[in-house]
Amino acid sequence: MPLFNGSYFTSGPFPTYVVGTFNILPGDGAITISGTWGDTTFNNGTAGEDLYLGGVLVAQCIEFAACWQGPITPWSDTLTPAEIASLGTGLVDFTAAQTSVYEVNLGPTTLDQTQVPEPGSLVLLGSGLAAVALVTRLRKGRSLAAGLVGCR
């Protein structure tokens, strides 16, 4: 997801921005979302804000913390299995809820997903490996028997 810059605010109420969307896939077993507070456009931090993937809070920049109007600062969150389940599958909004003055500045945001095979796929893979092992064993047994018959 590219850089994002919101509007400048000197007082509340502050907006919530839909920064973009991510596609949650069936079988996602691990999800890590990461990015930076601040971006290279303004080369500084950000207003206070809460970041959400779907309804899951993934990061917070609190007013006067290092991320707030300071240097560009990385952030990252690895979701729990319960959080991943709560997202469901399909497109999920990534939102920034501004909580203090100035403007929301975010650098590129990425979502790293790891797929976990379905149980049916594991059974199919195991069956295939067992069949290959059986065929290999039978072939070795036949060649051994053929060698013994030829020794008479």
N, C-alpha and C. Protein backbone atom coordinates (compact mmCIF):
# COMPACT_ATOMS: atom_id res chain seq x y z
N MET A 1 0.85 -1.15 0.00
CA MET A 1 0.00 0.00 0.00
C MET A 1 0.91 1.23 0.00
N PRO A 2 0.61 2.23 -0.81
CA PRO A 2 1.49 3.41 -0.91
C PRO A 2 1.40 4.34 0.28
N LEU A 3 2.18 5.43 0.22
CA LEU A 3 2.15 6.46 1.25
C LEU A 3 0.73 7.01 1.42
N PHE A 4 0.43 7.50 2.63
CA PHE A 4 -0.86 8.13 2.86
C PHE A 4 -0.66 9.37 3.72
N ASN A 5 -1.27 10.48 3.31
CA ASN A 5 -1.24 11.72 4.06
C ASN A 5 -2.66 12.25 4.20
N GLY A 6 -3.07 12.52 5.43
CA GLY A 6 -4.39 13.09 5.67
C GLY A 6 -4.33 14.61 5.71
N SER A 7 -5.44 15.22 6.07
CA SER A 7 -5.52 16.68 6.16
C SER A 7 -4.99 17.17 7.51
N TYR A 8 -4.62 18.44 7.55
CA TYR A 8 -4.08 19.06 8.76
C TYR A 8 -5.24 19.50 9.65
N PHE A 9 -5.21 19.11 10.93
CA PHE A 9 -6.23 19.49 11.89
C PHE A 9 -5.57 20.10 13.13
N THR A 10 -6.13 21.19 13.62
CA THR A 10 -5.61 21.81 14.84
C THR A 10 -6.47 21.50 16.06
N SER A 11 -7.65 20.91 15.82
CA SER A 11 -8.53 20.50 16.92
C SER A 11 -9.49 19.45 16.40
N GLY A 12 -10.16 18.77 17.34
CA GLY A 12 -11.10 17.71 16.98
C GLY A 12 -12.47 18.28 16.65
N PRO A 13 -13.42 17.48 16.25
CA PRO A 13 -13.30 16.02 16.14
C PRO A 13 -12.41 15.63 14.96
N PHE A 14 -11.67 14.55 15.15
CA PHE A 14 -10.72 14.10 14.15
C PHE A 14 -11.34 13.02 13.28
N PRO A 15 -10.90 12.92 12.03
CA PRO A 15 -11.49 11.95 11.10
C PRO A 15 -10.91 10.54 11.23
N THR A 16 -11.61 9.62 10.62
CA THR A 16 -11.12 8.26 10.39
C THR A 16 -10.99 8.10 8.89
N TYR A 17 -9.83 7.66 8.44
CA TYR A 17 -9.56 7.49 7.01
C TYR A 17 -9.52 6.01 6.66
N VAL A 18 -10.12 5.65 5.53
CA VAL A 18 -9.88 4.32 4.96
C VAL A 18 -8.64 4.49 4.09
N VAL A 19 -7.54 3.91 4.54
CA VAL A 19 -6.26 4.07 3.86
C VAL A 19 -6.17 3.14 2.65
N GLY A 20 -6.79 1.98 2.74
CA GLY A 20 -6.77 1.00 1.65
C GLY A 20 -7.42 -0.28 2.09
N THR A 21 -7.27 -1.32 1.29
CA THR A 21 -7.83 -2.63 1.62
C THR A 21 -6.77 -3.71 1.41
N PHE A 22 -6.93 -4.79 2.17
CA PHE A 22 -6.10 -5.97 2.00
C PHE A 22 -7.02 -7.15 1.80
N ASN A 23 -6.55 -8.15 1.04
CA ASN A 23 -7.32 -9.35 0.78
C ASN A 23 -6.90 -10.46 1.74
N ILE A 24 -7.81 -10.86 2.61
CA ILE A 24 -7.55 -11.96 3.55
C ILE A 24 -7.97 -13.25 2.85
N LEU A 25 -7.05 -14.18 2.76
CA LEU A 25 -7.28 -15.41 2.00
C LEU A 25 -7.71 -16.56 2.90
N PRO A 26 -8.53 -17.48 2.36
CA PRO A 26 -8.84 -18.68 3.14
C PRO A 26 -7.55 -19.44 3.44
N GLY A 27 -7.40 -19.92 4.64
CA GLY A 27 -6.21 -20.68 5.00
C GLY A 27 -5.07 -19.83 5.54
N ASP A 28 -5.28 -18.51 5.67
CA ASP A 28 -4.23 -17.67 6.27
C ASP A 28 -3.99 -18.14 7.70
N GLY A 29 -2.78 -18.61 7.99
CA GLY A 29 -2.46 -19.08 9.33
C GLY A 29 -1.65 -18.09 10.12
N ALA A 30 -0.98 -17.18 9.42
CA ALA A 30 -0.19 -16.15 10.08
C ALA A 30 -0.25 -14.88 9.24
N ILE A 31 -0.50 -13.76 9.89
CA ILE A 31 -0.55 -12.47 9.21
C ILE A 31 0.26 -11.47 10.04
N THR A 32 1.19 -10.79 9.37
CA THR A 32 1.93 -9.70 9.97
C THR A 32 1.72 -8.47 9.11
N ILE A 33 1.32 -7.37 9.73
CA ILE A 33 1.14 -6.11 9.02
C ILE A 33 2.19 -5.14 9.55
N SER A 34 2.81 -4.38 8.65
CA SER A 34 3.86 -3.46 9.07
C SER A 34 3.91 -2.25 8.16
N GLY A 35 4.51 -1.20 8.68
CA GLY A 35 4.65 0.04 7.93
C GLY A 35 5.46 1.03 8.73
N THR A 36 5.29 2.31 8.42
CA THR A 36 5.99 3.35 9.18
C THR A 36 5.04 4.46 9.56
N TRP A 37 5.28 5.04 10.73
CA TRP A 37 4.65 6.29 11.10
C TRP A 37 5.46 7.36 10.39
N GLY A 38 4.81 8.24 9.69
CA GLY A 38 5.52 9.26 8.94
C GLY A 38 5.91 8.72 7.58
N ASP A 39 6.29 9.63 6.71
CA ASP A 39 6.68 9.23 5.37
C ASP A 39 7.71 10.19 4.80
N THR A 40 8.22 9.85 3.65
CA THR A 40 9.27 10.65 3.03
C THR A 40 8.75 11.95 2.42
N THR A 41 7.44 12.08 2.23
CA THR A 41 6.89 13.32 1.67
C THR A 41 7.17 14.49 2.61
N PHE A 42 6.89 14.29 3.89
CA PHE A 42 7.11 15.35 4.88
C PHE A 42 8.35 15.08 5.73
N ASN A 43 8.91 13.87 5.60
CA ASN A 43 10.09 13.45 6.34
C ASN A 43 9.94 13.71 7.85
N ASN A 44 8.78 13.36 8.37
CA ASN A 44 8.55 13.49 9.81
C ASN A 44 7.57 12.42 10.27
N GLY A 45 7.13 12.51 11.50
CA GLY A 45 6.21 11.54 12.08
C GLY A 45 4.79 11.76 11.64
N THR A 46 3.87 11.60 12.56
CA THR A 46 2.45 11.64 12.25
C THR A 46 1.69 12.23 13.41
N ALA A 47 0.45 12.59 13.17
CA ALA A 47 -0.46 12.92 14.26
C ALA A 47 -0.71 11.64 15.06
N GLY A 48 -1.27 11.78 16.25
CA GLY A 48 -1.68 10.59 16.98
C GLY A 48 -2.74 9.85 16.19
N GLU A 49 -2.67 8.53 16.20
CA GLU A 49 -3.66 7.75 15.45
C GLU A 49 -3.66 6.30 15.90
N ASP A 50 -4.80 5.67 15.63
CA ASP A 50 -4.96 4.23 15.85
C ASP A 50 -5.15 3.59 14.48
N LEU A 51 -4.45 2.50 14.23
CA LEU A 51 -4.56 1.79 12.96
C LEU A 51 -5.32 0.49 13.16
N TYR A 52 -6.27 0.23 12.26
CA TYR A 52 -7.10 -0.97 12.34
C TYR A 52 -7.06 -1.74 11.03
N LEU A 53 -6.95 -3.04 11.14
CA LEU A 53 -7.16 -3.94 10.01
C LEU A 53 -8.49 -4.62 10.29
N GLY A 54 -9.51 -4.29 9.49
CA GLY A 54 -10.86 -4.71 9.85
C GLY A 54 -11.18 -4.06 11.18
N GLY A 55 -11.64 -4.80 12.14
CA GLY A 55 -11.91 -4.25 13.47
C GLY A 55 -10.78 -4.49 14.46
N VAL A 56 -9.64 -4.97 13.98
CA VAL A 56 -8.53 -5.34 14.86
C VAL A 56 -7.54 -4.17 14.96
N LEU A 57 -7.30 -3.68 16.18
CA LEU A 57 -6.31 -2.63 16.41
C LEU A 57 -4.93 -3.23 16.20
N VAL A 58 -4.16 -2.68 15.24
CA VAL A 58 -2.84 -3.24 14.93
C VAL A 58 -1.69 -2.32 15.34
N ALA A 59 -1.96 -1.03 15.58
CA ALA A 59 -0.89 -0.11 16.00
C ALA A 59 -1.50 1.18 16.53
N GLN A 60 -0.75 1.84 17.43
CA GLN A 60 -1.16 3.13 17.99
C GLN A 60 0.04 4.06 18.05
N CYS A 61 -0.19 5.30 17.65
CA CYS A 61 0.80 6.36 17.85
C CYS A 61 0.13 7.36 18.78
N ILE A 62 0.65 7.49 19.97
CA ILE A 62 0.04 8.34 21.00
C ILE A 62 0.74 9.70 20.99
N GLU A 63 -0.04 10.75 21.16
CA GLU A 63 0.49 12.10 21.17
C GLU A 63 1.69 12.20 22.12
N PHE A 64 2.74 12.85 21.66
CA PHE A 64 4.01 13.07 22.35
C PHE A 64 4.93 11.85 22.39
N ALA A 65 4.51 10.70 21.84
CA ALA A 65 5.39 9.54 21.73
C ALA A 65 6.39 9.79 20.59
N ALA A 66 7.37 8.90 20.45
CA ALA A 66 8.41 9.08 19.43
C ALA A 66 7.84 9.17 18.01
N CYS A 67 6.76 8.46 17.74
CA CYS A 67 6.17 8.45 16.40
C CYS A 67 5.44 9.74 16.07
N TRP A 68 5.08 10.51 17.08
CA TRP A 68 4.26 11.71 16.91
C TRP A 68 5.13 12.89 16.50
N GLN A 69 4.97 13.35 15.29
CA GLN A 69 5.72 14.49 14.75
C GLN A 69 7.23 14.34 14.92
N GLY A 70 7.69 13.12 14.99
CA GLY A 70 9.13 12.86 15.14
C GLY A 70 9.68 12.27 13.86
N PRO A 71 10.78 11.55 13.95
CA PRO A 71 11.34 10.93 12.75
C PRO A 71 10.47 9.77 12.29
N ILE A 72 10.71 9.34 11.08
CA ILE A 72 9.98 8.18 10.55
C ILE A 72 10.29 6.98 11.45
N THR A 73 9.24 6.31 11.92
CA THR A 73 9.37 5.23 12.89
C THR A 73 8.62 3.99 12.41
N PRO A 74 9.27 2.82 12.36
CA PRO A 74 8.57 1.61 11.92
C PRO A 74 7.62 1.07 12.99
N TRP A 75 6.58 0.38 12.54
CA TRP A 75 5.66 -0.33 13.42
C TRP A 75 5.32 -1.66 12.77
N SER A 76 4.89 -2.62 13.58
CA SER A 76 4.55 -3.95 13.08
C SER A 76 3.65 -4.66 14.09
N ASP A 77 2.79 -5.53 13.60
CA ASP A 77 1.94 -6.33 14.48
C ASP A 77 1.68 -7.68 13.83
N THR A 78 1.81 -8.74 14.61
CA THR A 78 1.46 -10.09 14.16
C THR A 78 0.14 -10.46 14.80
N LEU A 79 -0.84 -10.79 13.98
CA LEU A 79 -2.18 -11.09 14.48
C LEU A 79 -2.24 -12.47 15.10
N THR A 80 -3.07 -12.61 16.13
CA THR A 80 -3.30 -13.91 16.77
C THR A 80 -4.26 -14.72 15.89
N PRO A 81 -4.32 -16.03 16.08
CA PRO A 81 -5.29 -16.83 15.33
C PRO A 81 -6.73 -16.34 15.52
N ALA A 82 -7.09 -15.90 16.72
CA ALA A 82 -8.45 -15.40 16.97
C ALA A 82 -8.70 -14.11 16.17
N GLU A 83 -7.69 -13.23 16.10
CA GLU A 83 -7.84 -12.00 15.33
C GLU A 83 -7.99 -12.30 13.84
N ILE A 84 -7.20 -13.26 13.35
CA ILE A 84 -7.30 -13.65 11.94
C ILE A 84 -8.70 -14.20 11.65
N ALA A 85 -9.20 -15.04 12.55
CA ALA A 85 -10.55 -15.60 12.37
C ALA A 85 -11.61 -14.51 12.36
N SER A 86 -11.43 -13.47 13.20
CA SER A 86 -12.43 -12.40 13.26
C SER A 86 -12.48 -11.58 11.97
N LEU A 87 -11.41 -11.59 11.18
CA LEU A 87 -11.39 -10.83 9.93
C LEU A 87 -12.21 -11.51 8.84
N GLY A 88 -12.36 -12.83 8.93
CA GLY A 88 -13.03 -13.55 7.85
C GLY A 88 -12.12 -13.60 6.64
N THR A 89 -12.72 -13.73 5.45
CA THR A 89 -11.94 -13.75 4.22
C THR A 89 -12.48 -12.69 3.26
N GLY A 90 -11.66 -12.31 2.32
CA GLY A 90 -12.04 -11.29 1.35
C GLY A 90 -11.38 -9.96 1.69
N LEU A 91 -11.89 -8.88 1.08
CA LEU A 91 -11.30 -7.56 1.26
C LEU A 91 -11.63 -7.00 2.63
N VAL A 92 -10.61 -6.48 3.32
CA VAL A 92 -10.76 -5.91 4.65
C VAL A 92 -10.15 -4.50 4.62
N ASP A 93 -10.89 -3.52 5.16
CA ASP A 93 -10.38 -2.15 5.19
C ASP A 93 -9.23 -2.00 6.17
N PHE A 94 -8.26 -1.19 5.79
CA PHE A 94 -7.18 -0.75 6.66
C PHE A 94 -7.47 0.71 6.93
N THR A 95 -7.73 1.06 8.21
CA THR A 95 -8.15 2.43 8.54
C THR A 95 -7.23 3.07 9.55
N ALA A 96 -7.19 4.41 9.49
CA ALA A 96 -6.43 5.22 10.44
C ALA A 96 -7.42 6.16 11.12
N ALA A 97 -7.56 6.04 12.43
CA ALA A 97 -8.42 6.92 13.21
C ALA A 97 -7.53 7.96 13.88
N GLN A 98 -7.61 9.21 13.43
CA GLN A 98 -6.77 10.26 13.97
C GLN A 98 -7.21 10.60 15.39
N THR A 99 -6.22 10.76 16.31
CA THR A 99 -6.55 11.00 17.72
C THR A 99 -5.94 12.29 18.28
N SER A 100 -5.16 13.03 17.46
CA SER A 100 -4.56 14.28 17.94
C SER A 100 -4.33 15.24 16.77
N VAL A 101 -3.81 16.41 17.08
CA VAL A 101 -3.61 17.46 16.08
C VAL A 101 -2.53 17.08 15.06
N TYR A 102 -2.42 17.88 14.00
CA TYR A 102 -1.54 17.75 12.85
C TYR A 102 -2.17 16.84 11.81
N GLU A 103 -1.36 16.18 10.99
CA GLU A 103 -1.92 15.34 9.94
C GLU A 103 -1.43 13.91 10.09
N VAL A 104 -2.25 12.99 9.60
CA VAL A 104 -1.88 11.58 9.57
C VAL A 104 -0.90 11.38 8.43
N ASN A 105 0.27 10.86 8.73
CA ASN A 105 1.29 10.53 7.73
C ASN A 105 1.70 9.08 7.92
N LEU A 106 1.51 8.29 6.88
CA LEU A 106 1.91 6.88 6.92
C LEU A 106 2.78 6.56 5.73
N GLY A 107 3.83 5.78 5.97
CA GLY A 107 4.64 5.26 4.88
C GLY A 107 3.97 4.03 4.28
N PRO A 108 4.63 3.34 3.36
CA PRO A 108 4.05 2.14 2.77
C PRO A 108 3.70 1.10 3.84
N THR A 109 2.57 0.45 3.66
CA THR A 109 2.11 -0.59 4.58
C THR A 109 2.06 -1.91 3.83
N THR A 110 2.57 -2.97 4.44
CA THR A 110 2.56 -4.29 3.81
C THR A 110 1.88 -5.31 4.71
N LEU A 111 1.34 -6.33 4.08
CA LEU A 111 0.69 -7.43 4.78
C LEU A 111 1.37 -8.71 4.33
N ASP A 112 2.01 -9.42 5.26
CA ASP A 112 2.65 -10.70 4.97
C ASP A 112 1.74 -11.81 5.46
N GLN A 113 1.39 -12.71 4.55
CA GLN A 113 0.47 -13.80 4.88
C GLN A 113 1.15 -15.15 4.66
N THR A 114 0.90 -16.08 5.57
CA THR A 114 1.39 -17.45 5.45
C THR A 114 0.19 -18.38 5.43
N GLN A 115 0.13 -19.21 4.39
CA GLN A 115 -0.97 -20.14 4.24
C GLN A 115 -0.72 -21.41 5.03
N VAL A 116 -1.75 -21.94 5.66
CA VAL A 116 -1.70 -23.22 6.35
C VAL A 116 -2.52 -24.20 5.52
N PRO A 117 -1.93 -25.35 5.13
CA PRO A 117 -2.68 -26.29 4.31
C PRO A 117 -3.94 -26.79 5.02
N GLU A 118 -4.98 -27.01 4.24
CA GLU A 118 -6.21 -27.57 4.80
C GLU A 118 -5.97 -29.03 5.16
N PRO A 119 -6.69 -29.58 6.15
CA PRO A 119 -6.49 -30.98 6.54
C PRO A 119 -6.68 -31.95 5.37
N GLY A 120 -7.63 -31.67 4.50
CA GLY A 120 -7.86 -32.54 3.34
C GLY A 120 -6.66 -32.59 2.43
N SER A 121 -5.99 -31.47 2.26
CA SER A 121 -4.79 -31.43 1.42
C SER A 121 -3.67 -32.26 2.04
N LEU A 122 -3.55 -32.21 3.36
CA LEU A 122 -2.53 -33.01 4.04
C LEU A 122 -2.81 -34.50 3.90
N VAL A 123 -4.07 -34.91 3.98
CA VAL A 123 -4.43 -36.32 3.81
C VAL A 123 -4.10 -36.78 2.40
N LEU A 124 -4.43 -35.94 1.41
CA LEU A 124 -4.14 -36.28 0.02
C LEU A 124 -2.64 -36.41 -0.21
N LEU A 125 -1.86 -35.49 0.33
CA LEU A 125 -0.41 -35.54 0.19
C LEU A 125 0.14 -36.80 0.86
N GLY A 126 -0.33 -37.10 2.06
CA GLY A 126 0.13 -38.29 2.78
C GLY A 126 -0.21 -39.58 2.04
N SER A 127 -1.40 -39.64 1.46
CA SER A 127 -1.81 -40.82 0.69
C SER A 127 -0.92 -41.01 -0.52
N GLY A 128 -0.60 -39.92 -1.20
CA GLY A 128 0.26 -40.00 -2.37
C GLY A 128 1.65 -40.48 -2.01
N LEU A 129 2.20 -39.96 -0.91
CA LEU A 129 3.52 -40.40 -0.47
C LEU A 129 3.52 -41.87 -0.07
N ALA A 130 2.46 -42.32 0.59
CA ALA A 130 2.36 -43.73 0.98
C ALA A 130 2.29 -44.62 -0.26
N ALA A 131 1.56 -44.20 -1.28
CA ALA A 131 1.46 -44.98 -2.52
C ALA A 131 2.81 -45.08 -3.21
N VAL A 132 3.56 -43.99 -3.27
CA VAL A 132 4.90 -44.01 -3.88
C VAL A 132 5.81 -44.96 -3.11
N ALA A 133 5.75 -44.91 -1.79
CA ALA A 133 6.58 -45.80 -0.97
C ALA A 133 6.22 -47.26 -1.22
N LEU A 134 4.93 -47.57 -1.33
CA LEU A 134 4.47 -48.94 -1.55
C LEU A 134 4.93 -49.45 -2.91
N VAL A 135 4.77 -48.65 -3.95
CA VAL A 135 5.19 -49.05 -5.29
C VAL A 135 6.69 -49.28 -5.32
N THR A 136 7.46 -48.41 -4.68
CA THR A 136 8.91 -48.56 -4.64
C THR A 136 9.29 -49.86 -3.94
N ARG A 137 8.62 -50.17 -2.84
CA ARG A 137 8.91 -51.39 -2.09
C ARG A 137 8.57 -52.63 -2.90
N LEU A 138 7.42 -52.59 -3.60
CA LEU A 138 7.03 -53.75 -4.41
C LEU A 138 8.01 -53.97 -5.56
N ARG A 139 8.47 -52.90 -6.19
CA ARG A 139 9.44 -53.04 -7.28
C ARG A 139 10.76 -53.63 -6.78
N LYS A 140 11.21 -53.19 -5.63
CA LYS A 140 12.45 -53.74 -5.06
C LYS A 140 12.27 -55.21 -4.74
N GLY A 141 11.09 -55.58 -4.23
CA GLY A 141 10.81 -56.99 -3.90
C GLY A 141 10.80 -57.86 -5.14
N ARG A 142 10.23 -57.39 -6.24
CA ARG A 142 10.18 -58.16 -7.49
C ARG A 142 11.57 -58.34 -8.07
N SER A 143 12.39 -57.29 -8.06
CA SER A 143 13.73 -57.42 -8.63
C SER A 143 14.58 -58.36 -7.78
N LEU A 144 14.38 -58.41 -6.48
CA LEU A 144 15.10 -59.31 -5.62
C LEU A 144 14.65 -60.75 -5.88
N ALA A 145 13.33 -60.93 -6.03
CA ALA A 145 12.81 -62.27 -6.31
C ALA A 145 13.30 -62.76 -7.66
N ALA A 146 13.35 -61.87 -8.65
CA ALA A 146 13.81 -62.25 -9.98
C ALA A 146 15.29 -62.66 -9.94
N GLY A 147 16.06 -61.98 -9.13
CA GLY A 147 17.48 -62.32 -9.00
C GLY A 147 17.67 -63.67 -8.36
N LEU A 148 16.81 -64.03 -7.38
CA LEU A 148 16.91 -65.32 -6.70
C LEU A 148 16.50 -66.44 -7.63
N VAL A 149 15.47 -66.25 -8.45
CA VAL A 149 15.02 -67.27 -9.37
C VAL A 149 16.11 -67.56 -10.40
N GLY A 150 16.81 -66.56 -10.85
CA GLY A 150 17.87 -66.74 -11.87
C GLY A 150 19.11 -67.44 -11.30
N CYS A 151 19.21 -67.63 -9.97
CA CYS A 151 20.39 -68.24 -9.36
C CYS A 151 20.29 -69.75 -9.33
N ARG A 152 19.17 -70.35 -9.67
CA ARG A 152 18.99 -71.81 -9.55
C ARG A 152 19.80 -72.53 -10.52
